[in-house]
Amino acid sequence: MASVFISRYQLKPEKRDEFVRTLKSMYEAGREFIKKETNFVFYGFGRDPNEFVAIESWKSEAVVNALRASDDFKKAFAALMSCASAPMEIELFRDWDDDASLFEVYPRGDSRLHPTVGGLTTIFR
């Protein structure tokens, strides 16, 4: 198994439905790609109705990073983040058989891979 990303979005209450519509549209447009390139995905809410969680495990870091670099992703990500009230936070987990080199690719702090939107960054924890 590859790495697992747990992303948390804090949403503006008045933008919650817009966020869900945007993400559903992204998912539907990329459904076959996601099925092919991920081990699993989970999208949903926890106890806080304005905290959205995305849990994803991609088969290839190269594929997910190429996706993040695409103009379509940047545009869709900007639409998602326009609904956020705080930076997106990402926790990263590695397989127990892997070394810690993955954490060098994604160091703690502001992401170099995600665009800043409306002054909000993405933070790796």
C-alpha atoms as a PDB file:
ATOM      1  CA  MET A   1       0.000   0.000   0.000  1.00  0.00           C
ATOM      2  CA  ALA A   2       1.117   3.557  -0.641  1.00  0.00           C
ATOM      3  CA  SER A   3       0.822   6.656   1.496  1.00  0.00           C
ATOM      4  CA  VAL A   4      -2.466   7.922   2.916  1.00  0.00           C
ATOM      5  CA  PHE A   5      -3.454  11.589   2.989  1.00  0.00           C
ATOM      6  CA  ILE A   6      -6.069  12.887   5.409  1.00  0.00           C
ATOM      7  CA  SER A   7      -7.127  16.374   4.343  1.00  0.00           C
ATOM      8  CA  ARG A   8      -9.327  18.593   6.486  1.00  0.00           C
ATOM      9  CA  TYR A   9     -11.251  21.559   5.137  1.00  0.00           C
ATOM     10  CA  GLN A  10     -12.906  24.054   7.488  1.00  0.00           C
ATOM     11  CA  LEU A  11     -15.869  25.370   5.517  1.00  0.00           C
ATOM     12  CA  LYS A  12     -17.772  28.611   5.662  1.00  0.00           C
ATOM     13  CA  PRO A  13     -21.286  27.477   6.676  1.00  0.00           C
ATOM     14  CA  GLU A  14     -22.897  29.434   3.859  1.00  0.00           C
ATOM     15  CA  LYS A  15     -20.534  27.789   1.324  1.00  0.00           C
ATOM     16  CA  ARG A  16     -20.925  24.176   2.509  1.00  0.00           C
ATOM     17  CA  ASP A  17     -23.386  23.145  -0.235  1.00  0.00           C
ATOM     18  CA  GLU A  18     -21.294  24.836  -2.924  1.00  0.00           C
ATOM     19  CA  PHE A  19     -18.219  22.938  -1.703  1.00  0.00           C
ATOM     20  CA  VAL A  20     -20.063  19.601  -1.837  1.00  0.00           C
ATOM     21  CA  ARG A  21     -21.441  20.301  -5.331  1.00  0.00           C
ATOM     22  CA  THR A  22     -17.985  21.272  -6.591  1.00  0.00           C
ATOM     23  CA  LEU A  23     -16.298  18.195  -5.134  1.00  0.00           C
ATOM     24  CA  LYS A  24     -19.017  15.853  -6.409  1.00  0.00           C
ATOM     25  CA  SER A  25     -18.584  17.342  -9.874  1.00  0.00           C
ATOM     26  CA  MET A  26     -14.803  16.833  -9.693  1.00  0.00           C
ATOM     27  CA  TYR A  27     -15.262  13.259  -8.500  1.00  0.00           C
ATOM     28  CA  GLU A  28     -17.776  12.396 -11.222  1.00  0.00           C
ATOM     29  CA  ALA A  29     -15.566  13.876 -13.938  1.00  0.00           C
ATOM     30  CA  GLY A  30     -12.565  11.870 -12.724  1.00  0.00           C
ATOM     31  CA  ARG A  31     -14.322   8.719 -11.478  1.00  0.00           C
ATOM     32  CA  GLU A  32     -12.484   6.277 -13.783  1.00  0.00           C
ATOM     33  CA  PHE A  33      -9.126   7.960 -13.173  1.00  0.00           C
ATOM     34  CA  ILE A  34      -9.691   7.797  -9.415  1.00  0.00           C
ATOM     35  CA  LYS A  35     -10.683   4.122  -9.564  1.00  0.00           C
ATOM     36  CA  LYS A  36      -7.551   3.320 -11.566  1.00  0.00           C
ATOM     37  CA  GLU A  37      -5.015   5.445  -9.649  1.00  0.00           C
ATOM     38  CA  THR A  38      -6.091   5.155  -5.991  1.00  0.00           C
ATOM     39  CA  ASN A  39      -6.142   2.347  -3.468  1.00  0.00           C
ATOM     40  CA  PHE A  40      -9.158   3.984  -1.834  1.00  0.00           C
ATOM     41  CA  VAL A  41     -10.859   7.316  -1.189  1.00  0.00           C
ATOM     42  CA  PHE A  42     -13.314   8.473   1.445  1.00  0.00           C
ATOM     43  CA  TYR A  43     -15.024  11.857   1.470  1.00  0.00           C
ATOM     44  CA  GLY A  44     -17.336  13.032   4.219  1.00  0.00           C
ATOM     45  CA  PHE A  45     -18.126  14.968   7.359  1.00  0.00           C
ATOM     46  CA  GLY A  46     -17.421  14.232  11.007  1.00  0.00           C
ATOM     47  CA  ARG A  47     -19.139  15.635  14.067  1.00  0.00           C
ATOM     48  CA  ASP A  48     -18.579  19.210  12.939  1.00  0.00           C
ATOM     49  CA  PRO A  49     -20.922  19.816   9.975  1.00  0.00           C
ATOM     50  CA  ASN A  50     -18.469  22.359   8.555  1.00  0.00           C
ATOM     51  CA  GLU A  51     -15.341  20.190   8.690  1.00  0.00           C
ATOM     52  CA  PHE A  52     -14.967  18.116   5.554  1.00  0.00           C
ATOM     53  CA  VAL A  53     -12.489  15.242   5.492  1.00  0.00           C
ATOM     54  CA  ALA A  54     -10.929  13.616   2.442  1.00  0.00           C
ATOM     55  CA  ILE A  55      -8.955  10.414   2.979  1.00  0.00           C
ATOM     56  CA  GLU A  56      -7.051   9.236  -0.083  1.00  0.00           C
ATOM     57  CA  SER A  57      -4.431   6.629  -0.851  1.00  0.00           C
ATOM     58  CA  TRP A  58      -2.818   7.035  -4.262  1.00  0.00           C
ATOM     59  CA  LYS A  59      -0.911   4.216  -5.964  1.00  0.00           C
ATOM     60  CA  SER A  60       1.771   6.583  -7.241  1.00  0.00           C
ATOM     61  CA  GLU A  61       3.160   9.824  -5.832  1.00  0.00           C
ATOM     62  CA  ALA A  62       4.163  10.795  -9.371  1.00  0.00           C
ATOM     63  CA  VAL A  63       0.558  10.503 -10.566  1.00  0.00           C
ATOM     64  CA  VAL A  64      -0.929  12.524  -7.701  1.00  0.00           C
ATOM     65  CA  ASN A  65       1.717  15.216  -8.096  1.00  0.00           C
ATOM     66  CA  ALA A  66       1.122  15.416 -11.855  1.00  0.00           C
ATOM     67  CA  LEU A  67      -2.577  15.816 -11.077  1.00  0.00           C
ATOM     68  CA  ARG A  68      -1.849  18.638  -8.619  1.00  0.00           C
ATOM     69  CA  ALA A  69       0.228  20.402 -11.288  1.00  0.00           C
ATOM     70  CA  SER A  70      -2.565  20.339 -13.884  1.00  0.00           C
ATOM     71  CA  ASP A  71      -4.524  23.484 -14.694  1.00  0.00           C
ATOM     72  CA  ASP A  72      -7.833  21.641 -14.196  1.00  0.00           C
ATOM     73  CA  PHE A  73      -6.844  20.633 -10.649  1.00  0.00           C
ATOM     74  CA  LYS A  74      -5.648  24.131  -9.792  1.00  0.00           C
ATOM     75  CA  LYS A  75      -8.922  25.643 -11.006  1.00  0.00           C
ATOM     76  CA  ALA A  76     -11.058  23.090  -9.138  1.00  0.00           C
ATOM     77  CA  PHE A  77      -8.931  23.368  -6.000  1.00  0.00           C
ATOM     78  CA  ALA A  78      -9.344  27.157  -6.077  1.00  0.00           C
ATOM     79  CA  ALA A  79     -13.125  26.688  -6.254  1.00  0.00           C
ATOM     80  CA  LEU A  80     -13.020  24.358  -3.241  1.00  0.00           C
ATOM     81  CA  MET A  81     -10.792  26.655  -1.222  1.00  0.00           C
ATOM     82  CA  SER A  82     -13.024  29.640  -1.955  1.00  0.00           C
ATOM     83  CA  CYS A  83     -15.513  27.836   0.318  1.00  0.00           C
ATOM     84  CA  ALA A  84     -12.993  27.421   3.143  1.00  0.00           C
ATOM     85  CA  SER A  85     -12.615  29.558   6.242  1.00  0.00           C
ATOM     86  CA  ALA A  86      -9.098  28.337   7.112  1.00  0.00           C
ATOM     87  CA  PRO A  87      -6.108  26.677   5.445  1.00  0.00           C
ATOM     88  CA  MET A  88      -6.585  23.070   4.408  1.00  0.00           C
ATOM     89  CA  GLU A  89      -4.582  20.782   6.681  1.00  0.00           C
ATOM     90  CA  ILE A  90      -3.112  17.501   5.486  1.00  0.00           C
ATOM     91  CA  GLU A  91      -1.804  14.665   7.614  1.00  0.00           C
ATOM     92  CA  LEU A  92       0.322  12.102   5.864  1.00  0.00           C
ATOM     93  CA  PHE A  93       0.803   8.472   6.832  1.00  0.00           C
ATOM     94  CA  ARG A  94       3.183   5.938   5.334  1.00  0.00           C
ATOM     95  CA  ASP A  95       2.966   2.198   5.080  1.00  0.00           C
ATOM     96  CA  TRP A  96       4.707   0.415   7.948  1.00  0.00           C
ATOM     97  CA  ASP A  97       7.137  -1.193   5.497  1.00  0.00           C
ATOM     98  CA  ASP A  98       8.209   2.121   3.942  1.00  0.00           C
ATOM     99  CA  ASP A  99      11.001   4.343   5.154  1.00  0.00           C
ATOM    100  CA  ALA A 100      10.331   7.937   6.180  1.00  0.00           C
ATOM    101  CA  SER A 101      11.519   9.463   2.883  1.00  0.00           C
ATOM    102  CA  LEU A 102       7.919  10.356   2.028  1.00  0.00           C
ATOM    103  CA  PHE A 103       8.029  13.006   4.752  1.00  0.00           C
ATOM    104  CA  GLU A 104      10.955  14.624   2.936  1.00  0.00           C
ATOM    105  CA  VAL A 105       8.808  14.898  -0.204  1.00  0.00           C
ATOM    106  CA  TYR A 106       6.025  16.504   1.869  1.00  0.00           C
ATOM    107  CA  PRO A 107       7.760  18.416   4.674  1.00  0.00           C
ATOM    108  CA  ARG A 108       5.797  20.006   7.524  1.00  0.00           C
ATOM    109  CA  GLY A 109       4.488  23.477   6.842  1.00  0.00           C
ATOM    110  CA  ASP A 110       3.057  25.286   3.845  1.00  0.00           C
ATOM    111  CA  SER A 111       2.646  23.073   0.803  1.00  0.00           C
ATOM    112  CA  ARG A 112       4.772  23.797  -2.247  1.00  0.00           C
ATOM    113  CA  LEU A 113       2.337  21.693  -4.307  1.00  0.00           C
ATOM    114  CA  HIS A 114      -1.002  23.400  -3.652  1.00  0.00           C
ATOM    115  CA  PRO A 115      -1.857  26.925  -4.773  1.00  0.00           C
ATOM    116  CA  THR A 116      -2.634  29.650  -2.227  1.00  0.00           C
ATOM    117  CA  VAL A 117      -6.250  30.734  -2.660  1.00  0.00           C
ATOM    118  CA  GLY A 118      -7.627  33.917  -1.160  1.00  0.00           C
ATOM    119  CA  GLY A 119      -4.675  34.049   1.220  1.00  0.00           C
ATOM    120  CA  LEU A 120      -5.320  30.480   2.414  1.00  0.00           C
ATOM    121  CA  THR A 121      -2.507  27.977   2.111  1.00  0.00           C
ATOM    122  CA  THR A 122      -2.394  24.220   2.467  1.00  0.00           C
ATOM    123  CA  ILE A 123      -0.450  22.984   5.463  1.00  0.00           C
ATOM    124  CA  PHE A 124       1.199  19.600   5.869  1.00  0.00           C
ATOM    125  CA  ARG A 125       1.080  18.481   9.520  1.00  0.00           C
END
